[in-house]
Amino acid sequence: MREQSVSTQSGYAIIAAGGKQHRVKVGQRCKLELMQGEPGESVELSNVLLKSNGEKIELGAPYIANSKVIAKIVQHGRGDKIRIFKMRRRKTYRRTQGHRQHFTEVEITQI
C-alpha cells in the first residue's frame, strides 16, 4: 500500500469552490459543484479564503497568496431530486419540473 503525504496539523481552511464557501479539514469528505477529473485524481483548490493551524489564523484579501488545498476526487454523482411546481389559481394551469444537481465528492488530503 502506498503512503500519502497527509498534513498532521489540526487546522482547517475555508475555501471558495463553485460559488460557495466550505470549511474543510484534512481527511474530511465534502460535496462540491461538478469538477473536471476522474475519481482518484488529485485537484488543487487555490481559492483559500482563511487558513488556521489551531493557533494562528491567516486571512486573505480576498484570497491567501501562494496557498492551496489539495483534494482527491472520490466520485461524481447527482443529488436528490427537487420538484418545482408552478400554478395559477382558478386557471387549471399546473407545471411540474424536477431537477437533480451534479456534484463531485472530494476528500481533503492536504492544507
PDB file of N, CA and C in Angstrom:
ATOM      1  N   MET A   1       0.837  -1.184   0.000  1.00  0.00           N
ATOM      2  CA  MET A   1       0.000   0.000   0.000  1.00  0.00           C
ATOM      3  C   MET A   1       0.879   1.243   0.000  1.00  0.00           C
ATOM      4  N   ARG A   2       0.492   2.223  -0.799  1.00  0.00           N
ATOM      5  CA  ARG A   2       1.248   3.460  -0.941  1.00  0.00           C
ATOM      6  C   ARG A   2       0.951   4.425   0.188  1.00  0.00           C
ATOM      7  N   GLU A   3       1.975   5.085   0.682  1.00  0.00           N
ATOM      8  CA  GLU A   3       1.758   6.120   1.691  1.00  0.00           C
ATOM      9  C   GLU A   3       1.496   7.442   1.000  1.00  0.00           C
ATOM     10  N   GLN A   4       0.591   8.215   1.565  1.00  0.00           N
ATOM     11  CA  GLN A   4       0.294   9.529   1.016  1.00  0.00           C
ATOM     12  C   GLN A   4       0.818  10.586   1.975  1.00  0.00           C
ATOM     13  N   SER A   5       1.175  11.728   1.412  1.00  0.00           N
ATOM     14  CA  SER A   5       1.620  12.825   2.257  1.00  0.00           C
ATOM     15  C   SER A   5       0.391  13.554   2.784  1.00  0.00           C
ATOM     16  N   VAL A   6       0.104  13.348   4.052  1.00  0.00           N
ATOM     17  CA  VAL A   6      -1.056  13.964   4.682  1.00  0.00           C
ATOM     18  C   VAL A   6      -0.565  14.871   5.790  1.00  0.00           C
ATOM     19  N   SER A   7      -1.046  16.079   5.790  1.00  0.00           N
ATOM     20  CA  SER A   7      -0.663  17.038   6.812  1.00  0.00           C
ATOM     21  C   SER A   7      -1.240  16.602   8.155  1.00  0.00           C
ATOM     22  N   THR A   8      -0.439  16.699   9.223  1.00  0.00           N
ATOM     23  CA  THR A   8      -0.890  16.248  10.529  1.00  0.00           C
ATOM     24  C   THR A   8      -1.382  17.380  11.411  1.00  0.00           C
ATOM     25  N   GLN A   9      -1.391  18.598  10.896  1.00  0.00           N
ATOM     26  CA  GLN A   9      -1.828  19.712  11.722  1.00  0.00           C
ATOM     27  C   GLN A   9      -3.337  19.668  11.924  1.00  0.00           C
ATOM     28  N   SER A  10      -3.797  20.187  13.059  1.00  0.00           N
ATOM     29  CA  SER A  10      -5.207  20.094  13.421  1.00  0.00           C
ATOM     30  C   SER A  10      -5.984  21.326  12.997  1.00  0.00           C
ATOM     31  N   GLY A  11      -5.585  21.943  11.917  1.00  0.00           N
ATOM     32  CA  GLY A  11      -6.227  23.175  11.486  1.00  0.00           C
ATOM     33  C   GLY A  11      -7.351  22.934  10.503  1.00  0.00           C
ATOM     34  N   TYR A  12      -7.814  24.031   9.951  1.00  0.00           N
ATOM     35  CA  TYR A  12      -8.882  23.982   8.967  1.00  0.00           C
ATOM     36  C   TYR A  12      -8.667  25.115   7.980  1.00  0.00           C
ATOM     37  N   ALA A  13      -9.437  25.086   6.915  1.00  0.00           N
ATOM     38  CA  ALA A  13      -9.366  26.147   5.914  1.00  0.00           C
ATOM     39  C   ALA A  13     -10.770  26.420   5.409  1.00  0.00           C
ATOM     40  N   ILE A  14     -10.988  27.626   4.941  1.00  0.00           N
ATOM     41  CA  ILE A  14     -12.241  27.978   4.280  1.00  0.00           C
ATOM     42  C   ILE A  14     -11.888  28.251   2.826  1.00  0.00           C
ATOM     43  N   ILE A  15     -12.509  27.470   1.927  1.00  0.00           N
ATOM     44  CA  ILE A  15     -12.213  27.587   0.504  1.00  0.00           C
ATOM     45  C   ILE A  15     -13.459  28.038  -0.242  1.00  0.00           C
ATOM     46  N   ALA A  16     -13.239  28.646  -1.403  1.00  0.00           N
ATOM     47  CA  ALA A  16     -14.337  29.026  -2.286  1.00  0.00           C
ATOM     48  C   ALA A  16     -14.283  28.103  -3.494  1.00  0.00           C
ATOM     49  N   ALA A  17     -15.371  27.369  -3.720  1.00  0.00           N
ATOM     50  CA  ALA A  17     -15.432  26.444  -4.857  1.00  0.00           C
ATOM     51  C   ALA A  17     -16.864  26.388  -5.364  1.00  0.00           C
ATOM     52  N   GLY A  18     -17.036  26.652  -6.637  1.00  0.00           N
ATOM     53  CA  GLY A  18     -18.362  26.563  -7.237  1.00  0.00           C
ATOM     54  C   GLY A  18     -19.329  27.621  -6.750  1.00  0.00           C
ATOM     55  N   GLY A  19     -18.819  28.793  -6.368  1.00  0.00           N
ATOM     56  CA  GLY A  19     -19.697  29.862  -5.915  1.00  0.00           C
ATOM     57  C   GLY A  19     -20.137  29.740  -4.470  1.00  0.00           C
ATOM     58  N   LYS A  20     -19.613  28.760  -3.751  1.00  0.00           N
ATOM     59  CA  LYS A  20     -19.959  28.565  -2.339  1.00  0.00           C
ATOM     60  C   LYS A  20     -18.676  28.515  -1.519  1.00  0.00           C
ATOM     61  N   GLN A  21     -18.811  28.723  -0.216  1.00  0.00           N
ATOM     62  CA  GLN A  21     -17.671  28.641   0.683  1.00  0.00           C
ATOM     63  C   GLN A  21     -17.827  27.407   1.555  1.00  0.00           C
ATOM     64  N   HIS A  22     -16.720  26.676   1.742  1.00  0.00           N
ATOM     65  CA  HIS A  22     -16.737  25.433   2.506  1.00  0.00           C
ATOM     66  C   HIS A  22     -15.633  25.472   3.552  1.00  0.00           C
ATOM     67  N   ARG A  23     -15.957  25.018   4.767  1.00  0.00           N
ATOM     68  CA  ARG A  23     -14.957  24.879   5.831  1.00  0.00           C
ATOM     69  C   ARG A  23     -14.487  23.432   5.795  1.00  0.00           C
ATOM     70  N   VAL A  24     -13.197  23.218   5.569  1.00  0.00           N
ATOM     71  CA  VAL A  24     -12.677  21.866   5.379  1.00  0.00           C
ATOM     72  C   VAL A  24     -11.511  21.597   6.321  1.00  0.00           C
ATOM     73  N   LYS A  25     -11.342  20.313   6.663  1.00  0.00           N
ATOM     74  CA  LYS A  25     -10.225  19.828   7.459  1.00  0.00           C
ATOM     75  C   LYS A  25      -9.588  18.670   6.705  1.00  0.00           C
ATOM     76  N   VAL A  26      -8.393  18.297   7.084  1.00  0.00           N
ATOM     77  CA  VAL A  26      -7.714  17.168   6.455  1.00  0.00           C
ATOM     78  C   VAL A  26      -8.469  15.886   6.793  1.00  0.00           C
ATOM     79  N   GLY A  27      -8.725  15.067   5.785  1.00  0.00           N
ATOM     80  CA  GLY A  27      -9.437  13.811   5.968  1.00  0.00           C
ATOM     81  C   GLY A  27     -10.938  13.918   5.795  1.00  0.00           C
ATOM     82  N   GLN A  28     -11.450  15.121   5.703  1.00  0.00           N
ATOM     83  CA  GLN A  28     -12.895  15.334   5.572  1.00  0.00           C
ATOM     84  C   GLN A  28     -13.326  15.140   4.122  1.00  0.00           C
ATOM     85  N   ARG A  29     -14.532  14.599   3.940  1.00  0.00           N
ATOM     86  CA  ARG A  29     -15.132  14.494   2.613  1.00  0.00           C
ATOM     87  C   ARG A  29     -16.212  15.550   2.483  1.00  0.00           C
ATOM     88  N   CYS A  30     -16.271  16.198   1.325  1.00  0.00           N
ATOM     89  CA  CYS A  30     -17.315  17.193   1.105  1.00  0.00           C
ATOM     90  C   CYS A  30     -17.749  17.158  -0.351  1.00  0.00           C
ATOM     91  N   LYS A  31     -18.973  17.607  -0.589  1.00  0.00           N
ATOM     92  CA  LYS A  31     -19.547  17.636  -1.928  1.00  0.00           C
ATOM     93  C   LYS A  31     -19.418  19.044  -2.484  1.00  0.00           C
ATOM     94  N   LEU A  32     -18.740  19.153  -3.624  1.00  0.00           N
ATOM     95  CA  LEU A  32     -18.555  20.424  -4.307  1.00  0.00           C
ATOM     96  C   LEU A  32     -19.318  20.380  -5.623  1.00  0.00           C
ATOM     97  N   GLU A  33     -19.401  21.526  -6.278  1.00  0.00           N
ATOM     98  CA  GLU A  33     -20.007  21.559  -7.606  1.00  0.00           C
ATOM     99  C   GLU A  33     -19.185  20.679  -8.549  1.00  0.00           C
ATOM    100  N   LEU A  34     -19.788  20.248  -9.639  1.00  0.00           N
ATOM    101  CA  LEU A  34     -19.149  19.328 -10.570  1.00  0.00           C
ATOM    102  C   LEU A  34     -17.813  19.879 -11.063  1.00  0.00           C
ATOM    103  N   MET A  35     -16.765  19.038 -10.971  1.00  0.00           N
ATOM    104  CA  MET A  35     -15.418  19.414 -11.392  1.00  0.00           C
ATOM    105  C   MET A  35     -14.945  18.440 -12.459  1.00  0.00           C
ATOM    106  N   GLN A  36     -13.996  18.882 -13.274  1.00  0.00           N
ATOM    107  CA  GLN A  36     -13.397  18.009 -14.273  1.00  0.00           C
ATOM    108  C   GLN A  36     -12.386  17.100 -13.580  1.00  0.00           C
ATOM    109  N   GLY A  37     -12.295  15.852 -14.033  1.00  0.00           N
ATOM    110  CA  GLY A  37     -11.326  14.918 -13.486  1.00  0.00           C
ATOM    111  C   GLY A  37     -11.966  13.576 -13.209  1.00  0.00           C
ATOM    112  N   GLU A  38     -11.129  12.567 -13.136  1.00  0.00           N
ATOM    113  CA  GLU A  38     -11.587  11.205 -12.884  1.00  0.00           C
ATOM    114  C   GLU A  38     -11.442  10.882 -11.395  1.00  0.00           C
ATOM    115  N   PRO A  39     -12.261   9.958 -10.878  1.00  0.00           N
ATOM    116  CA  PRO A  39     -12.095   9.533  -9.485  1.00  0.00           C
ATOM    117  C   PRO A  39     -10.689   8.979  -9.257  1.00  0.00           C
ATOM    118  N   GLY A  40     -10.077   9.398  -8.165  1.00  0.00           N
ATOM    119  CA  GLY A  40      -8.716   9.002  -7.840  1.00  0.00           C
ATOM    120  C   GLY A  40      -7.690  10.081  -8.147  1.00  0.00           C
ATOM    121  N   GLU A  41      -8.030  11.040  -8.997  1.00  0.00           N
ATOM    122  CA  GLU A  41      -7.116  12.127  -9.331  1.00  0.00           C
ATOM    123  C   GLU A  41      -7.079  13.162  -8.212  1.00  0.00           C
ATOM    124  N   SER A  42      -5.966  13.884  -8.135  1.00  0.00           N
ATOM    125  CA  SER A  42      -5.842  14.974  -7.175  1.00  0.00           C
ATOM    126  C   SER A  42      -6.133  16.299  -7.868  1.00  0.00           C
ATOM    127  N   VAL A  43      -6.779  17.193  -7.135  1.00  0.00           N
ATOM    128  CA  VAL A  43      -7.064  18.529  -7.652  1.00  0.00           C
ATOM    129  C   VAL A  43      -6.565  19.552  -6.640  1.00  0.00           C
ATOM    130  N   GLU A  44      -6.141  20.701  -7.154  1.00  0.00           N
ATOM    131  CA  GLU A  44      -5.697  21.792  -6.297  1.00  0.00           C
ATOM    132  C   GLU A  44      -6.782  22.852  -6.250  1.00  0.00           C
ATOM    133  N   LEU A  45      -7.182  23.226  -5.057  1.00  0.00           N
ATOM    134  CA  LEU A  45      -8.162  24.286  -4.854  1.00  0.00           C
ATOM    135  C   LEU A  45      -7.389  25.493  -4.333  1.00  0.00           C
ATOM    136  N   SER A  46      -7.216  26.491  -5.198  1.00  0.00           N
ATOM    137  CA  SER A  46      -6.336  27.605  -4.851  1.00  0.00           C
ATOM    138  C   SER A  46      -7.078  28.812  -4.279  1.00  0.00           C
ATOM    139  N   ASN A  47      -8.395  28.783  -4.251  1.00  0.00           N
ATOM    140  CA  ASN A  47      -9.155  29.909  -3.701  1.00  0.00           C
ATOM    141  C   ASN A  47      -9.346  29.713  -2.196  1.00  0.00           C
ATOM    142  N   VAL A  48      -8.281  29.947  -1.441  1.00  0.00           N
ATOM    143  CA  VAL A  48      -8.306  29.776   0.012  1.00  0.00           C
ATOM    144  C   VAL A  48      -8.578  31.139   0.638  1.00  0.00           C
ATOM    145  N   LEU A  49      -9.680  31.239   1.370  1.00  0.00           N
ATOM    146  CA  LEU A  49     -10.073  32.499   1.999  1.00  0.00           C
ATOM    147  C   LEU A  49      -9.469  32.666   3.388  1.00  0.00           C
ATOM    148  N   LEU A  50      -9.365  31.553   4.129  1.00  0.00           N
ATOM    149  CA  LEU A  50      -8.877  31.599   5.507  1.00  0.00           C
ATOM    150  C   LEU A  50      -8.175  30.290   5.795  1.00  0.00           C
ATOM    151  N   LYS A  51      -7.109  30.352   6.575  1.00  0.00           N
ATOM    152  CA  LYS A  51      -6.373  29.153   6.945  1.00  0.00           C
ATOM    153  C   LYS A  51      -5.988  29.254   8.412  1.00  0.00           C
ATOM    154  N   SER A  52      -6.191  28.162   9.150  1.00  0.00           N
ATOM    155  CA  SER A  52      -5.855  28.142  10.571  1.00  0.00           C
ATOM    156  C   SER A  52      -5.119  26.848  10.881  1.00  0.00           C
ATOM    157  N   ASN A  53      -4.083  26.942  11.722  1.00  0.00           N
ATOM    158  CA  ASN A  53      -3.368  25.738  12.138  1.00  0.00           C
ATOM    159  C   ASN A  53      -3.656  25.392  13.594  1.00  0.00           C
ATOM    160  N   GLY A  54      -4.689  25.947  14.159  1.00  0.00           N
ATOM    161  CA  GLY A  54      -5.031  25.686  15.546  1.00  0.00           C
ATOM    162  C   GLY A  54      -4.607  26.810  16.471  1.00  0.00           C
ATOM    163  N   GLU A  55      -3.545  27.530  16.116  1.00  0.00           N
ATOM    164  CA  GLU A  55      -3.066  28.639  16.932  1.00  0.00           C
ATOM    165  C   GLU A  55      -3.131  29.962  16.182  1.00  0.00           C
ATOM    166  N   LYS A  56      -2.688  29.934  14.925  1.00  0.00           N
ATOM    167  CA  LYS A  56      -2.596  31.160  14.136  1.00  0.00           C
ATOM    168  C   LYS A  56      -3.618  31.127  13.006  1.00  0.00           C
ATOM    169  N   ILE A  57      -4.298  32.243  12.787  1.00  0.00           N
ATOM    170  CA  ILE A  57      -5.272  32.356  11.703  1.00  0.00           C
ATOM    171  C   ILE A  57      -4.710  33.302  10.653  1.00  0.00           C
ATOM    172  N   GLU A  58      -4.729  32.842   9.410  1.00  0.00           N
ATOM    173  CA  GLU A  58      -4.265  33.663   8.287  1.00  0.00           C
ATOM    174  C   GLU A  58      -5.473  33.985   7.420  1.00  0.00           C
ATOM    175  N   LEU A  59      -5.707  35.265   7.180  1.00  0.00           N
ATOM    176  CA  LEU A  59      -6.889  35.722   6.459  1.00  0.00           C
ATOM    177  C   LEU A  59      -6.469  36.381   5.158  1.00  0.00           C
ATOM    178  N   GLY A  60      -7.155  36.032   4.072  1.00  0.00           N
ATOM    179  CA  GLY A  60      -6.836  36.593   2.768  1.00  0.00           C
ATOM    180  C   GLY A  60      -7.670  37.812   2.449  1.00  0.00           C
ATOM    181  N   ALA A  61      -7.252  38.523   1.396  1.00  0.00           N
ATOM    182  CA  ALA A  61      -7.999  39.711   0.985  1.00  0.00           C
ATOM    183  C   ALA A  61      -8.115  39.750  -0.530  1.00  0.00           C
ATOM    184  N   PRO A  62      -8.970  39.044  -1.199  1.00  0.00           N
ATOM    185  CA  PRO A  62      -9.899  38.059  -0.664  1.00  0.00           C
ATOM    186  C   PRO A  62      -9.283  36.673  -0.516  1.00  0.00           C
ATOM    187  N   TYR A  63      -8.207  36.353  -1.277  1.00  0.00           N
ATOM    188  CA  TYR A  63      -7.597  35.026  -1.193  1.00  0.00           C
ATOM    189  C   TYR A  63      -6.193  35.130  -0.624  1.00  0.00           C
ATOM    190  N   ILE A  64      -5.725  34.027  -0.029  1.00  0.00           N
ATOM    191  CA  ILE A  64      -4.369  33.965   0.504  1.00  0.00           C
ATOM    192  C   ILE A  64      -3.433  33.616  -0.650  1.00  0.00           C
ATOM    193  N   ALA A  65      -2.415  34.446  -0.867  1.00  0.00           N
ATOM    194  CA  ALA A  65      -1.467  34.210  -1.959  1.00  0.00           C
ATOM    195  C   ALA A  65      -0.616  32.980  -1.664  1.00  0.00           C
ATOM    196  N   ASN A  66      -0.301  32.222  -2.706  1.00  0.00           N
ATOM    197  CA  ASN A  66       0.558  31.029  -2.623  1.00  0.00           C
ATOM    198  C   ASN A  66       0.047  30.005  -1.621  1.00  0.00           C
ATOM    199  N   SER A  67      -1.245  29.870  -1.511  1.00  0.00           N
ATOM    200  CA  SER A  67      -1.838  28.889  -0.612  1.00  0.00           C
ATOM    201  C   SER A  67      -2.818  28.040  -1.403  1.00  0.00           C
ATOM    202  N   LYS A  68      -2.860  26.751  -1.083  1.00  0.00           N
ATOM    203  CA  LYS A  68      -3.765  25.864  -1.800  1.00  0.00           C
ATOM    204  C   LYS A  68      -4.176  24.709  -0.908  1.00  0.00           C
ATOM    205  N   VAL A  69      -5.299  24.109  -1.259  1.00  0.00           N
ATOM    206  CA  VAL A  69      -5.799  22.916  -0.594  1.00  0.00           C
ATOM    207  C   VAL A  69      -5.789  21.812  -1.640  1.00  0.00           C
ATOM    208  N   ILE A  70      -5.210  20.666  -1.298  1.00  0.00           N
ATOM    209  CA  ILE A  70      -5.143  19.545  -2.230  1.00  0.00           C
ATOM    210  C   ILE A  70      -6.187  18.522  -1.812  1.00  0.00           C
ATOM    211  N   ALA A  71      -6.985  18.098  -2.794  1.00  0.00           N
ATOM    212  CA  ALA A  71      -8.061  17.146  -2.533  1.00  0.00           C
ATOM    213  C   ALA A  71      -8.009  16.031  -3.565  1.00  0.00           C
ATOM    214  N   LYS A  72      -8.569  14.875  -3.190  1.00  0.00           N
ATOM    215  CA  LYS A  72      -8.645  13.735  -4.091  1.00  0.00           C
ATOM    216  C   LYS A  72     -10.104  13.522  -4.467  1.00  0.00           C
ATOM    217  N   ILE A  73     -10.381  13.364  -5.757  1.00  0.00           N
ATOM    218  CA  ILE A  73     -11.752  13.128  -6.205  1.00  0.00           C
ATOM    219  C   ILE A  73     -12.150  11.710  -5.825  1.00  0.00           C
ATOM    220  N   VAL A  74     -13.255  11.584  -5.084  1.00  0.00           N
ATOM    221  CA  VAL A  74     -13.755  10.278  -4.669  1.00  0.00           C
ATOM    222  C   VAL A  74     -14.757   9.759  -5.690  1.00  0.00           C
ATOM    223  N   GLN A  75     -15.738  10.586  -6.039  1.00  0.00           N
ATOM    224  CA  GLN A  75     -16.753  10.166  -7.005  1.00  0.00           C
ATOM    225  C   GLN A  75     -17.495  11.371  -7.550  1.00  0.00           C
ATOM    226  N   HIS A  76     -18.154  11.150  -8.672  1.00  0.00           N
ATOM    227  CA  HIS A  76     -19.092  12.114  -9.232  1.00  0.00           C
ATOM    228  C   HIS A  76     -20.483  11.543  -9.010  1.00  0.00           C
ATOM    229  N   GLY A  77     -21.468  12.407  -8.834  1.00  0.00           N
ATOM    230  CA  GLY A  77     -22.819  11.912  -8.621  1.00  0.00           C
ATOM    231  C   GLY A  77     -23.853  12.987  -8.858  1.00  0.00           C
ATOM    232  N   ARG A  78     -25.093  12.628  -8.530  1.00  0.00           N
ATOM    233  CA  ARG A  78     -26.203  13.561  -8.662  1.00  0.00           C
ATOM    234  C   ARG A  78     -26.947  13.593  -7.331  1.00  0.00           C
ATOM    235  N   GLY A  79     -27.384  14.767  -6.950  1.00  0.00           N
ATOM    236  CA  GLY A  79     -28.078  14.945  -5.683  1.00  0.00           C
ATOM    237  C   GLY A  79     -29.513  14.450  -5.738  1.00  0.00           C
ATOM    238  N   ASP A  80     -30.221  14.624  -4.639  1.00  0.00           N
ATOM    239  CA  ASP A  80     -31.623  14.238  -4.566  1.00  0.00           C
ATOM    240  C   ASP A  80     -32.454  15.110  -5.492  1.00  0.00           C
ATOM    241  N   LYS A  81     -33.558  14.553  -5.950  1.00  0.00           N
ATOM    242  CA  LYS A  81     -34.427  15.296  -6.853  1.00  0.00           C
ATOM    243  C   LYS A  81     -35.244  16.315  -6.071  1.00  0.00           C
ATOM    244  N   ILE A  82     -35.323  17.510  -6.626  1.00  0.00           N
ATOM    245  CA  ILE A  82     -36.233  18.511  -6.070  1.00  0.00           C
ATOM    246  C   ILE A  82     -37.329  18.742  -7.097  1.00  0.00           C
ATOM    247  N   ARG A  83     -38.510  19.104  -6.635  1.00  0.00           N
ATOM    248  CA  ARG A  83     -39.656  19.321  -7.509  1.00  0.00           C
ATOM    249  C   ARG A  83     -39.965  20.804  -7.566  1.00  0.00           C
ATOM    250  N   ILE A  84     -40.146  21.305  -8.786  1.00  0.00           N
ATOM    251  CA  ILE A  84     -40.539  22.692  -8.997  1.00  0.00           C
ATOM    252  C   ILE A  84     -41.979  22.659  -9.479  1.00  0.00           C
ATOM    253  N   PHE A  85     -42.870  23.348  -8.778  1.00  0.00           N
ATOM    254  CA  PHE A  85     -44.293  23.314  -9.115  1.00  0.00           C
ATOM    255  C   PHE A  85     -44.789  24.734  -9.291  1.00  0.00           C
ATOM    256  N   LYS A  86     -45.352  25.020 -10.480  1.00  0.00           N
ATOM    257  CA  LYS A  86     -45.926  26.329 -10.774  1.00  0.00           C
ATOM    258  C   LYS A  86     -47.412  26.141 -11.025  1.00  0.00           C
ATOM    259  N   MET A  87     -48.212  27.074 -10.530  1.00  0.00           N
ATOM    260  CA  MET A  87     -49.640  27.020 -10.833  1.00  0.00           C
ATOM    261  C   MET A  87     -50.251  28.402 -10.784  1.00  0.00           C
ATOM    262  N   ARG A  88     -51.329  28.561 -11.523  1.00  0.00           N
ATOM    263  CA  ARG A  88     -52.124  29.781 -11.467  1.00  0.00           C
ATOM    264  C   ARG A  88     -53.489  29.400 -10.938  1.00  0.00           C
ATOM    265  N   ARG A  89     -53.911  30.090  -9.927  1.00  0.00           N
ATOM    266  CA  ARG A  89     -55.182  29.748  -9.304  1.00  0.00           C
ATOM    267  C   ARG A  89     -56.345  29.978 -10.268  1.00  0.00           C
ATOM    268  N   ARG A  90     -57.288  29.121 -10.201  1.00  0.00           N
ATOM    269  CA  ARG A  90     -58.543  29.170 -10.956  1.00  0.00           C
ATOM    270  C   ARG A  90     -58.372  29.018 -12.465  1.00  0.00           C
ATOM    271  N   LYS A  91     -57.204  28.730 -12.967  1.00  0.00           N
ATOM    272  CA  LYS A  91     -56.992  28.676 -14.415  1.00  0.00           C
ATOM    273  C   LYS A  91     -56.588  27.291 -14.924  1.00  0.00           C
ATOM    274  N   THR A  92     -56.561  26.298 -14.078  1.00  0.00           N
ATOM    275  CA  THR A  92     -56.148  24.935 -14.426  1.00  0.00           C
ATOM    276  C   THR A  92     -54.767  24.916 -15.094  1.00  0.00           C
ATOM    277  N   TYR A  93     -53.886  25.765 -14.627  1.00  0.00           N
ATOM    278  CA  TYR A  93     -52.521  25.823 -15.135  1.00  0.00           C
ATOM    279  C   TYR A  93     -51.603  25.255 -14.067  1.00  0.00           C
ATOM    280  N   ARG A  94     -51.000  24.102 -14.360  1.00  0.00           N
ATOM    281  CA  ARG A  94     -50.085  23.466 -13.414  1.00  0.00           C
ATOM    282  C   ARG A  94     -48.897  22.905 -14.183  1.00  0.00           C
ATOM    283  N   ARG A  95     -47.697  23.210 -13.738  1.00  0.00           N
ATOM    284  CA  ARG A  95     -46.485  22.693 -14.371  1.00  0.00           C
ATOM    285  C   ARG A  95     -45.569  22.144 -13.277  1.00  0.00           C
ATOM    286  N   THR A  96     -45.100  20.924 -13.482  1.00  0.00           N
ATOM    287  CA  THR A  96     -44.175  20.301 -12.546  1.00  0.00           C
ATOM    288  C   THR A  96     -42.876  20.004 -13.281  1.00  0.00           C
ATOM    289  N   GLN A  97     -41.781  20.325 -12.628  1.00  0.00           N
ATOM    290  CA  GLN A  97     -40.469  20.078 -13.211  1.00  0.00           C
ATOM    291  C   GLN A  97     -39.571  19.542 -12.108  1.00  0.00           C
ATOM    292  N   GLY A  98     -38.674  18.627 -12.449  1.00  0.00           N
ATOM    293  CA  GLY A  98     -37.726  18.083 -11.484  1.00  0.00           C
ATOM    294  C   GLY A  98     -36.308  18.503 -11.829  1.00  0.00           C
ATOM    295  N   HIS A  99     -35.421  18.442 -10.836  1.00  0.00           N
ATOM    296  CA  HIS A  99     -34.021  18.812 -11.056  1.00  0.00           C
ATOM    297  C   HIS A  99     -33.136  18.005 -10.113  1.00  0.00           C
ATOM    298  N   ARG A 100     -32.028  17.483 -10.654  1.00  0.00           N
ATOM    299  CA  ARG A 100     -31.004  16.822  -9.848  1.00  0.00           C
ATOM    300  C   ARG A 100     -29.669  17.481 -10.155  1.00  0.00           C
ATOM    301  N   GLN A 101     -29.049  18.043  -9.129  1.00  0.00           N
ATOM    302  CA  GLN A 101     -27.796  18.776  -9.294  1.00  0.00           C
ATOM    303  C   GLN A 101     -26.618  17.807  -9.324  1.00  0.00           C
ATOM    304  N   HIS A 102     -25.706  17.987 -10.268  1.00  0.00           N
ATOM    305  CA  HIS A 102     -24.488  17.182 -10.338  1.00  0.00           C
ATOM    306  C   HIS A 102     -23.492  17.689  -9.292  1.00  0.00           C
ATOM    307  N   PHE A 103     -22.722  16.761  -8.706  1.00  0.00           N
ATOM    308  CA  PHE A 103     -21.722  17.152  -7.715  1.00  0.00           C
ATOM    309  C   PHE A 103     -20.488  16.274  -7.856  1.00  0.00           C
ATOM    310  N   THR A 104     -19.412  16.705  -7.224  1.00  0.00           N
ATOM    311  CA  THR A 104     -18.184  15.932  -7.117  1.00  0.00           C
ATOM    312  C   THR A 104     -17.854  15.811  -5.638  1.00  0.00           C
ATOM    313  N   GLU A 105     -17.691  14.581  -5.177  1.00  0.00           N
ATOM    314  CA  GLU A 105     -17.309  14.361  -3.780  1.00  0.00           C
ATOM    315  C   GLU A 105     -15.787  14.253  -3.720  1.00  0.00           C
ATOM    316  N   VAL A 106     -15.182  15.062  -2.856  1.00  0.00           N
ATOM    317  CA  VAL A 106     -13.724  15.073  -2.722  1.00  0.00           C
ATOM    318  C   VAL A 106     -13.337  14.798  -1.276  1.00  0.00           C
ATOM    319  N   GLU A 107     -12.121  14.281  -1.110  1.00  0.00           N
ATOM    320  CA  GLU A 107     -11.552  14.079   0.225  1.00  0.00           C
ATOM    321  C   GLU A 107     -10.327  14.979   0.339  1.00  0.00           C
ATOM    322  N   ILE A 108     -10.291  15.783   1.382  1.00  0.00           N
ATOM    323  CA  ILE A 108      -9.199  16.738   1.582  1.00  0.00           C
ATOM    324  C   ILE A 108      -7.975  15.977   2.088  1.00  0.00           C
ATOM    325  N   THR A 109      -6.850  16.107   1.370  1.00  0.00           N
ATOM    326  CA  THR A 109      -5.638  15.390   1.758  1.00  0.00           C
ATOM    327  C   THR A 109      -4.567  16.293   2.358  1.00  0.00           C
ATOM    328  N   GLN A 110      -4.560  17.569   1.976  1.00  0.00           N
ATOM    329  CA  GLN A 110      -3.510  18.457   2.494  1.00  0.00           C
ATOM    330  C   GLN A 110      -3.975  19.904   2.438  1.00  0.00           C
ATOM    331  N   ILE A 111      -3.634  20.643   3.497  1.00  0.00           N
ATOM    332  CA  ILE A 111      -3.936  22.081   3.532  1.00  0.00           C
ATOM    333  C   ILE A 111      -2.613  22.824   3.514  1.00  0.00           C
TER     334      ILE A 111
END
